[in-house]
């Protein structure tokens, strides 16, 4: 076993088996994600950011649906939404389909904040990419379709 990753690397730099590749990919993606979060001092807490993005992508949602999608309890989601609401990043409106329900939407300030955060995180990654040589950047670019394919959920 070589290095801290717990996997062996063959002479050409590849990971060998699918399991070894999965372990190296998990480690690299996890560390890069953590590094970006650490460097992004202006960001929101992870669950607040994830909730805001979920609402942005899915449109107005009820608290219960947001809690389900984010895999948290309703009381936890309520606290998250309170923080986002106090920051002016979401808005609440009556659910036209259920007078007792409330729909959560991203406010204009929330849209602006998401754009700002995305821009900042893109700049953080761009600075890291600038440290790579041409061959490394080309390899990374060539791997993007495969990485994007990993994001597609398996069919049931």
C-alpha atoms as a PDB file:
ATOM      1  CA  UNK A   1       0.000   0.000   0.000  1.00  0.00           C
ATOM      2  CA  UNK A   2       1.374   3.418  -0.851  1.00  0.00           C
ATOM      3  CA  UNK A   3       0.883   6.853   0.699  1.00  0.00           C
ATOM      4  CA  UNK A   4      -1.951   7.955   2.924  1.00  0.00           C
ATOM      5  CA  UNK A   5      -4.708   6.919   0.537  1.00  0.00           C
ATOM      6  CA  UNK A   6      -4.552   3.249   1.435  1.00  0.00           C
ATOM      7  CA  UNK A   7      -4.343   2.243  -2.229  1.00  0.00           C
ATOM      8  CA  UNK A   8      -1.535   1.232  -4.521  1.00  0.00           C
ATOM      9  CA  UNK A   9      -0.725   3.245  -7.590  1.00  0.00           C
ATOM     10  CA  UNK A  10       0.603   1.460 -10.638  1.00  0.00           C
ATOM     11  CA  UNK A  11       3.579   2.842 -12.549  1.00  0.00           C
ATOM     12  CA  UNK A  12       1.495   4.961 -14.942  1.00  0.00           C
ATOM     13  CA  UNK A  13      -0.281   6.746 -12.049  1.00  0.00           C
ATOM     14  CA  UNK A  14      -3.542   4.864 -12.497  1.00  0.00           C
ATOM     15  CA  UNK A  15      -5.284   3.341  -9.510  1.00  0.00           C
ATOM     16  CA  UNK A  16      -5.469  -0.263 -10.693  1.00  0.00           C
ATOM     17  CA  UNK A  17      -8.762  -1.906  -9.691  1.00  0.00           C
ATOM     18  CA  UNK A  18     -12.176  -0.225  -9.620  1.00  0.00           C
ATOM     19  CA  UNK A  19     -12.070  -0.341  -5.824  1.00  0.00           C
ATOM     20  CA  UNK A  20      -8.686   1.402  -5.740  1.00  0.00           C
ATOM     21  CA  UNK A  21      -9.890   3.987  -8.255  1.00  0.00           C
ATOM     22  CA  UNK A  22     -13.019   4.590  -6.183  1.00  0.00           C
ATOM     23  CA  UNK A  23     -10.915   5.078  -3.039  1.00  0.00           C
ATOM     24  CA  UNK A  24      -8.555   7.558  -4.733  1.00  0.00           C
ATOM     25  CA  UNK A  25     -11.447   9.455  -6.317  1.00  0.00           C
ATOM     26  CA  UNK A  26     -13.313   9.619  -2.984  1.00  0.00           C
ATOM     27  CA  UNK A  27     -10.216  10.935  -1.257  1.00  0.00           C
ATOM     28  CA  UNK A  28      -9.388  13.509  -3.949  1.00  0.00           C
ATOM     29  CA  UNK A  29     -12.953  14.805  -4.323  1.00  0.00           C
ATOM     30  CA  UNK A  30     -13.487  14.886  -0.554  1.00  0.00           C
ATOM     31  CA  UNK A  31     -10.260  16.764   0.115  1.00  0.00           C
ATOM     32  CA  UNK A  32     -10.857  19.229  -2.707  1.00  0.00           C
ATOM     33  CA  UNK A  33     -14.395  19.884  -1.492  1.00  0.00           C
ATOM     34  CA  UNK A  34     -13.170  20.393   2.076  1.00  0.00           C
ATOM     35  CA  UNK A  35     -10.379  22.718   0.901  1.00  0.00           C
ATOM     36  CA  UNK A  36     -12.869  24.836  -1.052  1.00  0.00           C
ATOM     37  CA  UNK A  37     -15.196  25.048   1.968  1.00  0.00           C
ATOM     38  CA  UNK A  38     -12.290  26.080   4.220  1.00  0.00           C
ATOM     39  CA  UNK A  39     -11.033  28.683   1.731  1.00  0.00           C
ATOM     40  CA  UNK A  40     -14.549  30.042   1.170  1.00  0.00           C
ATOM     41  CA  UNK A  41     -14.895  32.037   4.366  1.00  0.00           C
ATOM     42  CA  UNK A  42     -17.909  33.935   3.025  1.00  0.00           C
ATOM     43  CA  UNK A  43     -20.009  30.820   2.522  1.00  0.00           C
ATOM     44  CA  UNK A  44     -23.141  29.731   4.319  1.00  0.00           C
ATOM     45  CA  UNK A  45     -23.154  26.675   6.593  1.00  0.00           C
ATOM     46  CA  UNK A  46     -23.418  23.529   4.426  1.00  0.00           C
ATOM     47  CA  UNK A  47     -27.058  22.675   5.231  1.00  0.00           C
ATOM     48  CA  UNK A  48     -28.192  26.274   4.661  1.00  0.00           C
ATOM     49  CA  UNK A  49     -26.378  26.372   1.322  1.00  0.00           C
ATOM     50  CA  UNK A  50     -27.737  22.982   0.269  1.00  0.00           C
ATOM     51  CA  UNK A  51     -31.273  24.009   1.245  1.00  0.00           C
ATOM     52  CA  UNK A  52     -31.024  27.267  -0.681  1.00  0.00           C
ATOM     53  CA  UNK A  53     -29.788  25.439  -3.792  1.00  0.00           C
ATOM     54  CA  UNK A  54     -32.541  22.818  -3.475  1.00  0.00           C
ATOM     55  CA  UNK A  55     -35.202  25.530  -3.349  1.00  0.00           C
ATOM     56  CA  UNK A  56     -33.570  27.339  -6.267  1.00  0.00           C
ATOM     57  CA  UNK A  57     -33.521  24.189  -8.410  1.00  0.00           C
ATOM     58  CA  UNK A  58     -36.930  22.802  -7.428  1.00  0.00           C
ATOM     59  CA  UNK A  59     -38.977  25.933  -7.042  1.00  0.00           C
ATOM     60  CA  UNK A  60     -41.177  26.759  -4.078  1.00  0.00           C
ATOM     61  CA  UNK A  61     -41.303  23.885  -1.593  1.00  0.00           C
ATOM     62  CA  UNK A  62     -42.985  23.152   1.712  1.00  0.00           C
ATOM     63  CA  UNK A  63     -40.859  22.695   4.822  1.00  0.00           C
ATOM     64  CA  UNK A  64     -41.715  18.979   4.997  1.00  0.00           C
ATOM     65  CA  UNK A  65     -40.604  18.403   1.401  1.00  0.00           C
ATOM     66  CA  UNK A  66     -37.377  20.323   1.980  1.00  0.00           C
ATOM     67  CA  UNK A  67     -36.662  18.270   5.098  1.00  0.00           C
ATOM     68  CA  UNK A  68     -37.219  15.066   3.119  1.00  0.00           C
ATOM     69  CA  UNK A  69     -34.979  16.155   0.250  1.00  0.00           C
ATOM     70  CA  UNK A  70     -32.209  17.267   2.611  1.00  0.00           C
ATOM     71  CA  UNK A  71     -32.608  14.128   4.788  1.00  0.00           C
ATOM     72  CA  UNK A  72     -33.151  16.045   8.031  1.00  0.00           C
ATOM     73  CA  UNK A  73     -35.992  16.299  10.521  1.00  0.00           C
ATOM     74  CA  UNK A  74     -38.681  18.955  10.228  1.00  0.00           C
ATOM     75  CA  UNK A  75     -37.436  20.768  13.376  1.00  0.00           C
ATOM     76  CA  UNK A  76     -33.915  20.923  11.920  1.00  0.00           C
ATOM     77  CA  UNK A  77     -35.252  22.270   8.625  1.00  0.00           C
ATOM     78  CA  UNK A  78     -37.342  24.799  10.534  1.00  0.00           C
ATOM     79  CA  UNK A  79     -34.170  26.152  12.206  1.00  0.00           C
ATOM     80  CA  UNK A  80     -32.363  26.268   8.847  1.00  0.00           C
ATOM     81  CA  UNK A  81     -35.240  28.160   7.227  1.00  0.00           C
ATOM     82  CA  UNK A  82     -35.423  30.582  10.147  1.00  0.00           C
ATOM     83  CA  UNK A  83     -31.739  31.424   9.667  1.00  0.00           C
ATOM     84  CA  UNK A  84     -32.169  31.821   5.900  1.00  0.00           C
ATOM     85  CA  UNK A  85     -35.296  33.924   6.424  1.00  0.00           C
ATOM     86  CA  UNK A  86     -33.560  36.178   8.964  1.00  0.00           C
ATOM     87  CA  UNK A  87     -30.737  36.680   6.454  1.00  0.00           C
ATOM     88  CA  UNK A  88     -33.328  37.619   3.811  1.00  0.00           C
ATOM     89  CA  UNK A  89     -32.319  34.733   1.539  1.00  0.00           C
ATOM     90  CA  UNK A  90     -35.724  33.016   1.355  1.00  0.00           C
ATOM     91  CA  UNK A  91     -39.289  34.163   1.330  1.00  0.00           C
ATOM     92  CA  UNK A  92     -42.408  32.436   2.593  1.00  0.00           C
ATOM     93  CA  UNK A  93     -45.812  32.521   0.920  1.00  0.00           C
ATOM     94  CA  UNK A  94     -49.119  30.801   1.529  1.00  0.00           C
ATOM     95  CA  UNK A  95     -49.524  27.525  -0.368  1.00  0.00           C
ATOM     96  CA  UNK A  96     -52.410  28.085  -2.808  1.00  0.00           C
ATOM     97  CA  UNK A  97     -53.164  24.359  -2.646  1.00  0.00           C
ATOM     98  CA  UNK A  98     -53.378  24.272   1.167  1.00  0.00           C
ATOM     99  CA  UNK A  99     -54.213  27.372   3.179  1.00  0.00           C
ATOM    100  CA  UNK A 100     -52.420  25.917   6.225  1.00  0.00           C
ATOM    101  CA  UNK A 101     -49.188  25.361   4.283  1.00  0.00           C
ATOM    102  CA  UNK A 102     -46.322  27.686   3.475  1.00  0.00           C
ATOM    103  CA  UNK A 103     -44.118  27.558   0.392  1.00  0.00           C
ATOM    104  CA  UNK A 104     -40.466  28.534   0.620  1.00  0.00           C
ATOM    105  CA  UNK A 105     -38.853  30.376  -2.304  1.00  0.00           C
ATOM    106  CA  UNK A 106     -35.436  31.892  -2.873  1.00  0.00           C
ATOM    107  CA  UNK A 107     -35.628  35.669  -2.449  1.00  0.00           C
ATOM    108  CA  UNK A 108     -33.876  38.069  -4.842  1.00  0.00           C
ATOM    109  CA  UNK A 109     -31.195  38.506  -2.161  1.00  0.00           C
ATOM    110  CA  UNK A 110     -30.850  34.699  -2.046  1.00  0.00           C
ATOM    111  CA  UNK A 111     -30.403  34.528  -5.819  1.00  0.00           C
ATOM    112  CA  UNK A 112     -27.700  37.207  -5.580  1.00  0.00           C
ATOM    113  CA  UNK A 113     -25.966  35.446  -2.692  1.00  0.00           C
ATOM    114  CA  UNK A 114     -25.924  32.124  -4.563  1.00  0.00           C
ATOM    115  CA  UNK A 115     -24.435  33.816  -7.638  1.00  0.00           C
ATOM    116  CA  UNK A 116     -21.797  35.473  -5.445  1.00  0.00           C
ATOM    117  CA  UNK A 117     -20.913  32.199  -3.708  1.00  0.00           C
ATOM    118  CA  UNK A 118     -20.701  30.313  -6.997  1.00  0.00           C
ATOM    119  CA  UNK A 119     -18.471  32.982  -8.494  1.00  0.00           C
ATOM    120  CA  UNK A 120     -16.191  32.940  -5.461  1.00  0.00           C
ATOM    121  CA  UNK A 121     -15.936  29.140  -5.421  1.00  0.00           C
ATOM    122  CA  UNK A 122     -15.270  29.068  -9.170  1.00  0.00           C
ATOM    123  CA  UNK A 123     -12.427  31.552  -8.633  1.00  0.00           C
ATOM    124  CA  UNK A 124     -11.014  29.364  -5.837  1.00  0.00           C
ATOM    125  CA  UNK A 125     -10.987  26.347  -8.165  1.00  0.00           C
ATOM    126  CA  UNK A 126      -9.548  28.408 -11.031  1.00  0.00           C
ATOM    127  CA  UNK A 127      -6.607  29.418  -8.817  1.00  0.00           C
ATOM    128  CA  UNK A 128      -5.950  25.754  -8.044  1.00  0.00           C
ATOM    129  CA  UNK A 129      -6.240  24.835 -11.751  1.00  0.00           C
ATOM    130  CA  UNK A 130      -3.663  27.511 -12.598  1.00  0.00           C
ATOM    131  CA  UNK A 131      -1.098  25.547 -10.557  1.00  0.00           C
ATOM    132  CA  UNK A 132      -1.459  22.514 -12.833  1.00  0.00           C
ATOM    133  CA  UNK A 133       0.643  22.003 -15.914  1.00  0.00           C
ATOM    134  CA  UNK A 134      -0.934  21.682 -19.380  1.00  0.00           C
ATOM    135  CA  UNK A 135      -0.932  17.886 -19.292  1.00  0.00           C
ATOM    136  CA  UNK A 136      -2.688  17.783 -15.908  1.00  0.00           C
ATOM    137  CA  UNK A 137      -5.305  20.320 -17.024  1.00  0.00           C
ATOM    138  CA  UNK A 138      -5.934  18.367 -20.245  1.00  0.00           C
ATOM    139  CA  UNK A 139      -6.318  15.122 -18.267  1.00  0.00           C
ATOM    140  CA  UNK A 140      -8.746  16.793 -15.896  1.00  0.00           C
ATOM    141  CA  UNK A 141     -10.743  18.251 -18.771  1.00  0.00           C
ATOM    142  CA  UNK A 142     -10.853  14.864 -20.502  1.00  0.00           C
ATOM    143  CA  UNK A 143     -12.172  13.263 -17.296  1.00  0.00           C
ATOM    144  CA  UNK A 144     -15.098  15.697 -16.909  1.00  0.00           C
ATOM    145  CA  UNK A 145     -17.622  13.654 -18.961  1.00  0.00           C
ATOM    146  CA  UNK A 146     -16.891  10.597 -16.809  1.00  0.00           C
ATOM    147  CA  UNK A 147     -17.139  12.618 -13.591  1.00  0.00           C
ATOM    148  CA  UNK A 148     -20.409  14.156 -14.743  1.00  0.00           C
ATOM    149  CA  UNK A 149     -21.735  10.674 -15.574  1.00  0.00           C
ATOM    150  CA  UNK A 150     -21.075   9.680 -11.945  1.00  0.00           C
ATOM    151  CA  UNK A 151     -23.627  12.310 -10.907  1.00  0.00           C
ATOM    152  CA  UNK A 152     -26.467  10.546 -12.725  1.00  0.00           C
ATOM    153  CA  UNK A 153     -28.449   8.383 -10.331  1.00  0.00           C
ATOM    154  CA  UNK A 154     -28.871   4.715 -11.119  1.00  0.00           C
ATOM    155  CA  UNK A 155     -32.270   3.597 -12.348  1.00  0.00           C
ATOM    156  CA  UNK A 156     -34.247   1.586  -9.797  1.00  0.00           C
END
